[in-house]
Every structure is written in structure tokens, then in C-alpha cells.
Amino acid sequence: MISAQSLLRLALLTLLSVLLRLPTAQAAVRVVTTLPDLAALAKELGGGAVTVTSLALPTQDAHWVDARPNLALELSKADMLLVAGLDLEVGWLPNLLTGARNPDVQIGAKGYVDCSQYVQLLQVPTVAVNRSMGDVHPGGNPHYLYDPRRAKSVAAGIASRLVQLDPAQSAVYQANLTRLHKELDAAILRWEGQLVGLKGVPVVGYHNSWPYLADWLGFTIIEHIEPRPGIPPTPTHVSHVLQTMKAQGARLLIQESWFPTTTTQLVADKSGAKLVILPGGADVAAGETYLQNMDQLISALAAGLGG
């Protein structure tokens, strides 16, 4: 007669055998990005096949992210790292990569993706760059995600790398890319219609963040409040900007939300231009998509143009 203990052991062995034959759930690819907009694109492309974390918050200037231990911990668990590149993150990302000790996302590894390779770059210096020029990027301007046409190219590049890393989910990534491209195509037509009156308009920026946006929408950046990229404004330079704005009839002054508004509001008041604060990136943690964030940016520009 079989004892109760033997029956229990037999039942457990049978259950274990069944469990071992069951297909195991596909683990989500862990994607870490330096920028919120890269996180938004990766999330839309990956859907449920990925988890996505942005190292920089949408309220932070990506030049100056604090390399905290919790960010290194995120990188230590990552399968893929998406960076804007062009030395945008050079002040903080290398320390995080060292602290993460994750060979999968080091420069040159399969999981390290420099997204600047997927776009046609602007403002690539033709002379040697030095610190006297301010925060000039030797490989070109890194703010290309403000142009949704270039965001389409970045999305295609990210999707191709996800397929390489996770071929089992390639159909998911390709389908999501096709859907995202269709949505972006429709949105680009809508946004261009909203801002057709911006073509040829002289605009002043705070930081040199807008060449790609200007390239897409056709406005002209005539000056920046910063005398050189990353250098705070001086009274002499502000006076020069005011003279230039009045001479050329500048109607808009644009800046990202993390820069101070004291000087820009003063310049706007004295010049008669409209100060427009633009969002710096999608709030992915709150569920915001790249398109939704761009909708906010376009609406703010349209309101400034109309006002």
C-alpha cells in the first residue's frame, strides 16, 4: 500500500514535470534611455514586449543630469541603452556606465544604441571645437527629436535594433513601427497646417535647441539669449539681442521649460515679442506619448504666433 507521503511526492513530481513542459513567458526587454522622448518612442515600438525607463526627467536639461546611484542601478539591469549621442550626455553618462558594470550596454556593445546615427545632422562644426565656444557639440547639434521627421528615422532605427536583440518579437516591433509612422505622417501634416504662418518668421531662442525645429517649420533663428551655448546671458549681449529683435521685427522668443525666465521675459517685454515656453520631452511616467508631447509644443507655438 502506498503511503500518503509517497502519494504526495508522486503528485509533486507529476506537477513539476508538467510545469517544465509548459512554454515559459518571454521576459520583457529592459530598455533604458537618456531622454524622455527616446523612452516615449521605445515604449510605442515595444508595447508589452519591453519595459522602458528614462534617466533624464522631462523637466531636466539633459546636459546636466545628476549621476545618482539609482540611475546606475537602472543601467545595471538594462538590455538596451538608447542615447541621443553627440556628447549631449557626456557630462554624466560615462560615470553611470562605469558604475553600472553592465557589459551589455557599454559603448560598442550590442545593447548600446547611439540614435544620432539615424538622422541627418545639422550644425556639424567644420573647425576644431574648444571650450571658449561654449557648449558646442563636435559631432553636430543633438536636439534632433524636435523634428518629427527625424523622429521617424530614429524610431525605425530603434525598431531594427529591438528586432536584432529580440527576434522572437520582431512582428510586434515591425507592426508598431508601421502604426507609429502612419500616426506621425498624419500628425506632421496637421502640425504643418497649424504653423504655416511661422515660415520665414524671425525667432529668438534661449539655448541653441531649435535648429531642427526651424529646419522643419521654416522659421529663422536670428539670435540666442545665451551669448554662447551654455553660457548665461550678460547685459551687453542682452542689449545686442534686443537691438537685433527690434531691427528684424522678431515676434517670438522660445525656450525650454527648465531655463530661467527672468531675462527672457524682460527681453520679450522690451521687444514686444511673445515669450513661449516649450515642453522639453514627453512625460512617459504619466503615460504621455511622443505625439502628445509634440501636440503641446505645436499648440504653444501656434498660440504664441497668434498672440
Foldseek 3Di string as FASTA:
>chain_A
DDDPVNVVVVVVVVVVVVVVPDDDDQAAAEEEEQAQQVQQLCCLLCPPNHDYYYQDFLLDQSQDRDQDPVLLCSVLPHQAYEYLDLCSNVVHVVVSPVSSPHPNQPPPHLRDHHLPVQADFPDQDPDDDDCVQPPRRNGGASLQLLALVSVLSSSVVVLVSCCVSPVVCNVSSVVSSVVVVVVSVVLLVVLLVLQVVQAAAEEEEAAPNPPNVCVSNHYHDDYHQAPHHPHHHDPVVLVVVLVVCQVRVHAEYEYEPNDDCPSVVVSCVSNVHFYFYAGRHARVVVPGHSSNSSVRRSVSVSVRVVD
